[in-house]
PDB file of N, CA and C in Angstrom:
ATOM      1  N   UNK A   1       0.863  -1.233   0.013  1.00  0.00           N
ATOM      2  CA  UNK A   1      -0.013  -0.039  -0.021  1.00  0.00           C
ATOM      3  C   UNK A   1       0.789   1.142   0.190  1.00  0.00           C
ATOM      4  N   UNK A   2       1.687   1.412   1.008  1.00  0.00           N
ATOM      5  CA  UNK A   2       2.719   2.295   0.964  1.00  0.00           C
ATOM      6  C   UNK A   2       3.359   2.950  -0.345  1.00  0.00           C
ATOM      7  N   UNK A   3       3.846   1.804  -0.864  1.00  0.00           N
ATOM      8  CA  UNK A   3       4.575   2.112  -2.396  1.00  0.00           C
ATOM      9  C   UNK A   3       3.897   2.659  -3.410  1.00  0.00           C
ATOM     10  N   UNK A   4       2.596   1.985  -3.329  1.00  0.00           N
ATOM     11  CA  UNK A   4       1.655   2.277  -4.324  1.00  0.00           C
ATOM     12  C   UNK A   4       0.836   3.962  -4.149  1.00  0.00           C
ATOM     13  N   UNK A   5       0.830   4.306  -2.780  1.00  0.00           N
ATOM     14  CA  UNK A   5       0.490   5.763  -2.537  1.00  0.00           C
ATOM     15  C   UNK A   5       1.447   6.549  -2.826  1.00  0.00           C
ATOM     16  N   UNK A   6       2.774   6.125  -2.390  1.00  0.00           N
ATOM     17  CA  UNK A   6       4.007   7.052  -2.566  1.00  0.00           C
ATOM     18  C   UNK A   6       4.138   7.408  -4.306  1.00  0.00           C
ATOM     19  N   UNK A   7       4.016   6.264  -5.189  1.00  0.00           N
ATOM     20  CA  UNK A   7       4.045   6.465  -6.512  1.00  0.00           C
ATOM     21  C   UNK A   7       2.953   7.114  -7.026  1.00  0.00           C
ATOM     22  N   UNK A   8       1.694   7.200  -6.675  1.00  0.00           N
ATOM     23  CA  UNK A   8       0.483   7.843  -6.893  1.00  0.00           C
ATOM     24  C   UNK A   8       0.990   9.428  -6.766  1.00  0.00           C
ATOM     25  N   UNK A   9       1.411   9.763  -5.552  1.00  0.00           N
ATOM     26  CA  UNK A   9       1.666  11.127  -5.139  1.00  0.00           C
ATOM     27  C   UNK A   9       2.774  11.723  -6.102  1.00  0.00           C
ATOM     28  N   UNK A  10       3.917  10.780  -6.518  1.00  0.00           N
ATOM     29  CA  UNK A  10       4.676  11.273  -7.291  1.00  0.00           C
ATOM     30  C   UNK A  10       4.231  11.526  -8.574  1.00  0.00           C
ATOM     31  N   UNK A  11       3.393  10.979  -9.208  1.00  0.00           N
ATOM     32  CA  UNK A  11       2.666  11.174 -10.557  1.00  0.00           C
ATOM     33  C   UNK A  11       1.855  12.425 -10.501  1.00  0.00           C
ATOM     34  N   UNK A  12       1.055  12.766  -9.239  1.00  0.00           N
ATOM     35  CA  UNK A  12       0.431  13.785  -9.104  1.00  0.00           C
ATOM     36  C   UNK A  12       1.339  15.177  -8.674  1.00  0.00           C
ATOM     37  N   UNK A  13       2.665  14.953  -8.508  1.00  0.00           N
ATOM     38  CA  UNK A  13       3.522  16.065  -8.274  1.00  0.00           C
ATOM     39  C   UNK A  13       3.367  16.355  -6.724  1.00  0.00           C
ATOM     40  N   UNK A  14       3.138  15.363  -5.886  1.00  0.00           N
ATOM     41  CA  UNK A  14       3.294  15.593  -4.552  1.00  0.00           C
ATOM     42  C   UNK A  14       4.622  14.831  -4.059  1.00  0.00           C
ATOM     43  N   UNK A  15       5.250  15.686  -3.151  1.00  0.00           N
ATOM     44  CA  UNK A  15       6.423  15.277  -2.538  1.00  0.00           C
ATOM     45  C   UNK A  15       6.225  14.370  -1.353  1.00  0.00           C
ATOM     46  N   UNK A  16       6.681  13.274  -1.177  1.00  0.00           N
ATOM     47  CA  UNK A  16       6.809  12.424  -0.374  1.00  0.00           C
ATOM     48  C   UNK A  16       8.003  12.790   0.674  1.00  0.00           C
ATOM     49  N   UNK A  17       7.702  13.477   1.606  1.00  0.00           N
ATOM     50  CA  UNK A  17       8.804  13.933   2.930  1.00  0.00           C
ATOM     51  C   UNK A  17       8.455  14.019   3.966  1.00  0.00           C
ATOM     52  N   UNK A  18       9.479  14.398   4.888  1.00  0.00           N
ATOM     53  CA  UNK A  18       8.963  14.259   6.319  1.00  0.00           C
ATOM     54  C   UNK A  18       7.833  15.336   6.654  1.00  0.00           C
ATOM     55  N   UNK A  19       7.380  16.254   5.882  1.00  0.00           N
ATOM     56  CA  UNK A  19       6.320  17.157   6.130  1.00  0.00           C
ATOM     57  C   UNK A  19       5.181  17.039   5.233  1.00  0.00           C
ATOM     58  N   UNK A  20       5.250  16.243   4.135  1.00  0.00           N
ATOM     59  CA  UNK A  20       4.153  16.111   3.049  1.00  0.00           C
ATOM     60  C   UNK A  20       4.084  14.664   2.493  1.00  0.00           C
ATOM     61  N   UNK A  21       3.229  14.651   1.708  1.00  0.00           N
ATOM     62  CA  UNK A  21       2.895  13.373   0.999  1.00  0.00           C
ATOM     63  C   UNK A  21       2.354  12.157   1.945  1.00  0.00           C
ATOM     64  N   UNK A  22       2.862  10.785   1.795  1.00  0.00           N
ATOM     65  CA  UNK A  22       2.755   9.657   2.511  1.00  0.00           C
ATOM     66  C   UNK A  22       2.738   9.812   3.645  1.00  0.00           C
ATOM     67  N   UNK A  23       1.521   9.436   4.449  1.00  0.00           N
ATOM     68  CA  UNK A  23       1.495   9.610   6.006  1.00  0.00           C
ATOM     69  C   UNK A  23       1.103   7.989   6.418  1.00  0.00           C
ATOM     70  N   UNK A  24       2.149   7.166   7.044  1.00  0.00           N
ATOM     71  CA  UNK A  24       2.024   5.852   7.465  1.00  0.00           C
ATOM     72  C   UNK A  24       0.885   5.785   8.594  1.00  0.00           C
ATOM     73  N   UNK A  25       0.769   6.566   9.408  1.00  0.00           N
ATOM     74  CA  UNK A  25      -0.083   6.346  10.689  1.00  0.00           C
ATOM     75  C   UNK A  25      -1.599   6.595  10.124  1.00  0.00           C
ATOM     76  N   UNK A  26      -1.812   7.624   9.227  1.00  0.00           N
ATOM     77  CA  UNK A  26      -3.280   7.758   8.630  1.00  0.00           C
ATOM     78  C   UNK A  26      -3.628   6.746   7.900  1.00  0.00           C
ATOM     79  N   UNK A  27      -2.716   6.199   6.952  1.00  0.00           N
ATOM     80  CA  UNK A  27      -3.036   5.172   6.089  1.00  0.00           C
ATOM     81  C   UNK A  27      -3.363   3.913   6.699  1.00  0.00           C
ATOM     82  N   UNK A  28      -2.469   3.448   7.954  1.00  0.00           N
ATOM     83  CA  UNK A  28      -2.721   2.347   8.668  1.00  0.00           C
ATOM     84  C   UNK A  28      -4.091   2.665   9.541  1.00  0.00           C
ATOM     85  N   UNK A  29      -4.281   3.766  10.205  1.00  0.00           N
ATOM     86  CA  UNK A  29      -5.237   4.142  10.780  1.00  0.00           C
ATOM     87  C   UNK A  29      -6.795   3.670   9.857  1.00  0.00           C
ATOM     88  N   UNK A  30      -6.607   4.188   8.709  1.00  0.00           N
ATOM     89  CA  UNK A  30      -7.834   3.901   8.068  1.00  0.00           C
ATOM     90  C   UNK A  30      -8.058   2.315   7.370  1.00  0.00           C
ATOM     91  N   UNK A  31      -6.712   1.758   7.314  1.00  0.00           N
ATOM     92  CA  UNK A  31      -7.099   0.370   7.008  1.00  0.00           C
ATOM     93  C   UNK A  31      -7.346  -0.462   8.144  1.00  0.00           C
ATOM     94  N   UNK A  32      -7.024   0.117   9.603  1.00  0.00           N
ATOM     95  CA  UNK A  32      -7.625  -0.715  10.825  1.00  0.00           C
ATOM     96  C   UNK A  32      -9.262  -0.540  10.856  1.00  0.00           C
ATOM     97  N   UNK A  33      -9.550   0.796  10.499  1.00  0.00           N
ATOM     98  CA  UNK A  33     -11.160   1.117  10.548  1.00  0.00           C
ATOM     99  C   UNK A  33     -11.744   0.173   9.616  1.00  0.00           C
ATOM    100  N   UNK A  34     -11.306   0.462   8.330  1.00  0.00           N
ATOM    101  CA  UNK A  34     -11.906  -0.716   7.463  1.00  0.00           C
ATOM    102  C   UNK A  34     -12.056  -2.267   7.656  1.00  0.00           C
ATOM    103  N   UNK A  35     -11.067  -2.657   8.208  1.00  0.00           N
ATOM    104  CA  UNK A  35     -11.078  -3.996   8.821  1.00  0.00           C
ATOM    105  C   UNK A  35     -12.269  -4.076   9.759  1.00  0.00           C
ATOM    106  N   UNK A  36     -12.113  -3.252  10.936  1.00  0.00           N
ATOM    107  CA  UNK A  36     -13.142  -3.215  12.046  1.00  0.00           C
ATOM    108  C   UNK A  36     -14.613  -3.207  11.326  1.00  0.00           C
ATOM    109  N   UNK A  37     -14.851  -2.376  10.482  1.00  0.00           N
ATOM    110  CA  UNK A  37     -16.193  -2.148   9.828  1.00  0.00           C
ATOM    111  C   UNK A  37     -16.526  -3.608   9.139  1.00  0.00           C
ATOM    112  N   UNK A  38     -15.625  -4.009   8.348  1.00  0.00           N
ATOM    113  CA  UNK A  38     -15.854  -5.288   7.698  1.00  0.00           C
ATOM    114  C   UNK A  38     -16.269  -6.292   8.793  1.00  0.00           C
ATOM    115  N   UNK A  39     -15.565  -6.403   9.849  1.00  0.00           N
ATOM    116  CA  UNK A  39     -15.836  -7.469  10.699  1.00  0.00           C
ATOM    117  C   UNK A  39     -17.250  -7.478  11.323  1.00  0.00           C
ATOM    118  N   UNK A  40     -17.877  -6.212  11.220  1.00  0.00           N
ATOM    119  CA  UNK A  40     -19.101  -5.845  11.885  1.00  0.00           C
ATOM    120  C   UNK A  40     -20.362  -6.155  10.856  1.00  0.00           C
ATOM    121  N   UNK A  41     -20.033  -6.262   9.597  1.00  0.00           N
ATOM    122  CA  UNK A  41     -21.099  -6.082   8.669  1.00  0.00           C
ATOM    123  C   UNK A  41     -21.219  -7.374   7.728  1.00  0.00           C
ATOM    124  N   UNK A  42     -22.182  -7.402   7.002  1.00  0.00           N
ATOM    125  CA  UNK A  42     -22.579  -8.596   6.219  1.00  0.00           C
ATOM    126  C   UNK A  42     -21.456  -8.330   4.801  1.00  0.00           C
ATOM    127  N   UNK A  43     -20.596  -9.119   4.856  1.00  0.00           N
ATOM    128  CA  UNK A  43     -19.603  -8.989   3.662  1.00  0.00           C
ATOM    129  C   UNK A  43     -20.243  -9.330   2.204  1.00  0.00           C
ATOM    130  N   UNK A  44     -21.473  -9.958   2.374  1.00  0.00           N
ATOM    131  CA  UNK A  44     -22.260 -10.617   1.083  1.00  0.00           C
ATOM    132  C   UNK A  44     -22.859  -9.427   0.359  1.00  0.00           C
ATOM    133  N   UNK A  45     -22.723  -8.268   0.969  1.00  0.00           N
ATOM    134  CA  UNK A  45     -23.589  -7.131   0.389  1.00  0.00           C
ATOM    135  C   UNK A  45     -22.551  -6.638  -0.714  1.00  0.00           C
ATOM    136  N   UNK A  46     -23.404  -5.750  -1.771  1.00  0.00           N
ATOM    137  CA  UNK A  46     -22.638  -5.392  -2.793  1.00  0.00           C
ATOM    138  C   UNK A  46     -21.380  -4.363  -2.423  1.00  0.00           C
ATOM    139  N   UNK A  47     -20.338  -4.193  -3.224  1.00  0.00           N
ATOM    140  CA  UNK A  47     -19.463  -3.433  -2.521  1.00  0.00           C
ATOM    141  C   UNK A  47     -20.151  -1.987  -2.431  1.00  0.00           C
ATOM    142  N   UNK A  48     -20.911  -1.527  -3.335  1.00  0.00           N
ATOM    143  CA  UNK A  48     -21.497  -0.168  -3.252  1.00  0.00           C
ATOM    144  C   UNK A  48     -22.252  -0.004  -2.158  1.00  0.00           C
ATOM    145  N   UNK A  49     -22.876  -1.146  -1.626  1.00  0.00           N
ATOM    146  CA  UNK A  49     -23.597  -0.890  -0.255  1.00  0.00           C
ATOM    147  C   UNK A  49     -22.745  -0.818   0.769  1.00  0.00           C
ATOM    148  N   UNK A  50     -21.575  -1.788   0.744  1.00  0.00           N
ATOM    149  CA  UNK A  50     -20.608  -1.562   2.126  1.00  0.00           C
ATOM    150  C   UNK A  50     -19.903  -0.299   1.868  1.00  0.00           C
ATOM    151  N   UNK A  51     -19.537   0.024   0.721  1.00  0.00           N
ATOM    152  CA  UNK A  51     -18.927   1.380   0.622  1.00  0.00           C
ATOM    153  C   UNK A  51     -19.687   2.631   1.323  1.00  0.00           C
ATOM    154  N   UNK A  52     -21.119   2.751   0.804  1.00  0.00           N
ATOM    155  CA  UNK A  52     -21.852   3.598   1.449  1.00  0.00           C
ATOM    156  C   UNK A  52     -22.177   3.594   2.893  1.00  0.00           C
ATOM    157  N   UNK A  53     -22.264   2.239   3.404  1.00  0.00           N
ATOM    158  CA  UNK A  53     -22.291   2.307   4.890  1.00  0.00           C
ATOM    159  C   UNK A  53     -20.948   2.645   5.535  1.00  0.00           C
ATOM    160  N   UNK A  54     -19.842   1.963   5.056  1.00  0.00           N
ATOM    161  CA  UNK A  54     -18.512   2.603   5.591  1.00  0.00           C
ATOM    162  C   UNK A  54     -18.291   4.092   5.696  1.00  0.00           C
ATOM    163  N   UNK A  55     -18.720   4.768   4.642  1.00  0.00           N
ATOM    164  CA  UNK A  55     -18.695   6.123   4.505  1.00  0.00           C
ATOM    165  C   UNK A  55     -19.553   6.794   5.443  1.00  0.00           C
ATOM    166  N   UNK A  56     -20.724   6.501   5.410  1.00  0.00           N
ATOM    167  CA  UNK A  56     -21.845   6.688   6.606  1.00  0.00           C
ATOM    168  C   UNK A  56     -21.325   6.711   8.110  1.00  0.00           C
ATOM    169  N   UNK A  57     -20.766   5.747   8.340  1.00  0.00           N
ATOM    170  CA  UNK A  57     -20.223   5.246   9.582  1.00  0.00           C
ATOM    171  C   UNK A  57     -19.324   5.906  10.014  1.00  0.00           C
ATOM    172  N   UNK A  58     -18.117   5.910   9.026  1.00  0.00           N
ATOM    173  CA  UNK A  58     -16.727   6.490   9.375  1.00  0.00           C
ATOM    174  C   UNK A  58     -16.306   7.365   8.379  1.00  0.00           C
ATOM    175  N   UNK A  59     -16.960   8.056   7.805  1.00  0.00           N
ATOM    176  CA  UNK A  59     -16.453   8.989   6.853  1.00  0.00           C
ATOM    177  C   UNK A  59     -16.139  10.086   7.275  1.00  0.00           C
ATOM    178  N   UNK A  60     -16.070  10.436   8.546  1.00  0.00           N
ATOM    179  CA  UNK A  60     -15.860  11.855   8.878  1.00  0.00           C
ATOM    180  C   UNK A  60     -14.422  12.466   8.826  1.00  0.00           C
ATOM    181  N   UNK A  61     -14.384  13.405   7.738  1.00  0.00           N
ATOM    182  CA  UNK A  61     -12.643  13.770   7.590  1.00  0.00           C
ATOM    183  C   UNK A  61     -11.747  14.130   8.811  1.00  0.00           C
ATOM    184  N   UNK A  62     -12.261  14.342   9.923  1.00  0.00           N
ATOM    185  CA  UNK A  62     -11.537  14.650  10.986  1.00  0.00           C
ATOM    186  C   UNK A  62     -11.405  13.378  11.862  1.00  0.00           C
ATOM    187  N   UNK A  63     -11.899  12.170  11.441  1.00  0.00           N
ATOM    188  CA  UNK A  63     -11.844  11.024  12.300  1.00  0.00           C
ATOM    189  C   UNK A  63     -10.827  10.808  12.992  1.00  0.00           C
ATOM    190  N   UNK A  64      -9.413  10.671  12.460  1.00  0.00           N
ATOM    191  CA  UNK A  64      -8.297  10.491  13.198  1.00  0.00           C
ATOM    192  C   UNK A  64      -8.130  11.383  14.459  1.00  0.00           C
ATOM    193  N   UNK A  65      -8.327  12.656  14.367  1.00  0.00           N
ATOM    194  CA  UNK A  65      -8.719  13.645  15.350  1.00  0.00           C
ATOM    195  C   UNK A  65      -9.212  13.219  16.653  1.00  0.00           C
ATOM    196  N   UNK A  66     -10.226  12.110  16.384  1.00  0.00           N
ATOM    197  CA  UNK A  66     -10.894  11.815  17.685  1.00  0.00           C
ATOM    198  C   UNK A  66     -10.062  10.589  18.176  1.00  0.00           C
ATOM    199  N   UNK A  67      -9.013  10.100  17.661  1.00  0.00           N
ATOM    200  CA  UNK A  67      -8.099   9.160  18.345  1.00  0.00           C
ATOM    201  C   UNK A  67      -6.755   9.695  18.657  1.00  0.00           C
ATOM    202  N   UNK A  68      -6.306  11.139  18.102  1.00  0.00           N
ATOM    203  CA  UNK A  68      -4.931  11.422  18.025  1.00  0.00           C
ATOM    204  C   UNK A  68      -4.939  12.765  18.316  1.00  0.00           C
ATOM    205  N   UNK A  69      -4.095  13.119  18.887  1.00  0.00           N
ATOM    206  CA  UNK A  69      -4.032  14.853  19.279  1.00  0.00           C
ATOM    207  C   UNK A  69      -3.427  15.317  17.855  1.00  0.00           C
ATOM    208  N   UNK A  70      -3.491  16.510  17.676  1.00  0.00           N
ATOM    209  CA  UNK A  70      -3.054  16.902  16.163  1.00  0.00           C
ATOM    210  C   UNK A  70      -1.402  17.045  16.215  1.00  0.00           C
ATOM    211  N   UNK A  71      -0.754  17.111  17.275  1.00  0.00           N
ATOM    212  CA  UNK A  71       0.610  17.213  17.506  1.00  0.00           C
ATOM    213  C   UNK A  71       1.232  15.838  17.060  1.00  0.00           C
ATOM    214  N   UNK A  72       0.615  14.974  17.637  1.00  0.00           N
ATOM    215  CA  UNK A  72       1.013  13.323  17.711  1.00  0.00           C
ATOM    216  C   UNK A  72       0.736  13.038  16.230  1.00  0.00           C
ATOM    217  N   UNK A  73      -0.414  13.279  15.802  1.00  0.00           N
ATOM    218  CA  UNK A  73      -0.568  12.594  14.062  1.00  0.00           C
ATOM    219  C   UNK A  73       0.182  13.483  13.134  1.00  0.00           C
ATOM    220  N   UNK A  74       0.459  14.746  13.529  1.00  0.00           N
ATOM    221  CA  UNK A  74       1.272  15.446  12.531  1.00  0.00           C
ATOM    222  C   UNK A  74       3.057  15.513  12.520  1.00  0.00           C
ATOM    223  N   UNK A  75       3.215  14.559  13.778  1.00  0.00           N
ATOM    224  CA  UNK A  75       4.866  14.247  14.000  1.00  0.00           C
ATOM    225  C   UNK A  75       5.256  13.777  12.917  1.00  0.00           C
ATOM    226  N   UNK A  76       6.685  13.999  12.693  1.00  0.00           N
ATOM    227  CA  UNK A  76       7.421  13.237  11.798  1.00  0.00           C
ATOM    228  C   UNK A  76       7.362  11.550  11.837  1.00  0.00           C
ATOM    229  N   UNK A  77       7.403  11.428  13.176  1.00  0.00           N
ATOM    230  CA  UNK A  77       7.273   9.885  13.663  1.00  0.00           C
ATOM    231  C   UNK A  77       6.184   9.230  13.192  1.00  0.00           C
ATOM    232  N   UNK A  78       4.689   9.780  13.321  1.00  0.00           N
ATOM    233  CA  UNK A  78       3.643   9.198  12.617  1.00  0.00           C
ATOM    234  C   UNK A  78       3.666   9.255  11.268  1.00  0.00           C
ATOM    235  N   UNK A  79       4.211  10.263  10.653  1.00  0.00           N
ATOM    236  CA  UNK A  79       4.230  10.148   9.197  1.00  0.00           C
ATOM    237  C   UNK A  79       5.115   9.138   8.590  1.00  0.00           C
ATOM    238  N   UNK A  80       6.192   8.822   9.145  1.00  0.00           N
ATOM    239  CA  UNK A  80       7.015   7.517   8.960  1.00  0.00           C
ATOM    240  C   UNK A  80       6.649   6.367   9.356  1.00  0.00           C
ATOM    241  N   UNK A  81       6.104   6.247  10.605  1.00  0.00           N
ATOM    242  CA  UNK A  81       5.943   5.017  11.189  1.00  0.00           C
ATOM    243  C   UNK A  81       4.653   5.010  12.045  1.00  0.00           C
ATOM    244  N   UNK A  82       3.857   3.533  11.993  1.00  0.00           N
ATOM    245  CA  UNK A  82       2.720   3.607  12.980  1.00  0.00           C
ATOM    246  C   UNK A  82       2.908   4.154  14.384  1.00  0.00           C
ATOM    247  N   UNK A  83       1.940   5.189  14.950  1.00  0.00           N
ATOM    248  CA  UNK A  83       2.098   5.350  16.114  1.00  0.00           C
ATOM    249  C   UNK A  83       0.775   5.064  16.903  1.00  0.00           C
ATOM    250  N   UNK A  84       0.683   4.620  18.061  1.00  0.00           N
ATOM    251  CA  UNK A  84      -0.914   4.322  18.429  1.00  0.00           C
ATOM    252  C   UNK A  84      -1.223   5.807  18.850  1.00  0.00           C
ATOM    253  N   UNK A  85      -2.512   5.690  18.858  1.00  0.00           N
ATOM    254  CA  UNK A  85      -3.425   6.845  19.212  1.00  0.00           C
ATOM    255  C   UNK A  85      -3.256   7.203  20.650  1.00  0.00           C
ATOM    256  N   UNK A  86      -3.198   8.583  20.874  1.00  0.00           N
ATOM    257  CA  UNK A  86      -3.155   9.157  22.378  1.00  0.00           C
ATOM    258  C   UNK A  86      -4.364   9.587  23.014  1.00  0.00           C
ATOM    259  N   UNK A  87      -5.476   9.954  22.354  1.00  0.00           N
ATOM    260  CA  UNK A  87      -6.707  10.266  22.925  1.00  0.00           C
ATOM    261  C   UNK A  87      -7.615   9.447  23.041  1.00  0.00           C
ATOM    262  N   UNK A  88      -7.715   7.979  22.360  1.00  0.00           N
ATOM    263  CA  UNK A  88      -8.849   7.000  22.363  1.00  0.00           C
ATOM    264  C   UNK A  88      -8.308   5.701  21.760  1.00  0.00           C
ATOM    265  N   UNK A  89      -8.855   4.447  22.158  1.00  0.00           N
ATOM    266  CA  UNK A  89      -8.389   3.471  21.741  1.00  0.00           C
ATOM    267  C   UNK A  89      -8.801   3.128  20.235  1.00  0.00           C
ATOM    268  N   UNK A  90      -8.418   2.310  19.248  1.00  0.00           N
ATOM    269  CA  UNK A  90      -8.834   2.444  18.100  1.00  0.00           C
ATOM    270  C   UNK A  90     -10.109   1.176  18.054  1.00  0.00           C
ATOM    271  N   UNK A  91     -10.893   1.389  17.133  1.00  0.00           N
ATOM    272  CA  UNK A  91     -12.062   0.617  17.257  1.00  0.00           C
ATOM    273  C   UNK A  91     -11.711  -0.671  17.225  1.00  0.00           C
ATOM    274  N   UNK A  92     -12.264  -1.790  17.835  1.00  0.00           N
ATOM    275  CA  UNK A  92     -12.011  -3.162  17.745  1.00  0.00           C
ATOM    276  C   UNK A  92     -10.763  -3.548  18.643  1.00  0.00           C
ATOM    277  N   UNK A  93     -10.047  -2.535  19.339  1.00  0.00           N
ATOM    278  CA  UNK A  93      -8.816  -2.775  19.882  1.00  0.00           C
ATOM    279  C   UNK A  93      -9.276  -3.213  21.497  1.00  0.00           C
TER     280      UNK A  93
END
């Protein structure tokens, strides 16, 4: 996932650095949310139905900030490596 997002960023002219581009913790956060969501739902539904339900339940743009302080989430460490939330436990944890 990391390499594909980084390549996509490059194609779009986005620099992957310590302060911009790919963000490991945000990527892993959303992957964990998706896994949790799928564990709670009937996956025999169409992908469109699942996606709509996922967006309704977890689609808040600021969702990571419910689990992370802004300083922690925007740190160089969080951009480069997974860091645990400091405000709330991850869903399903």
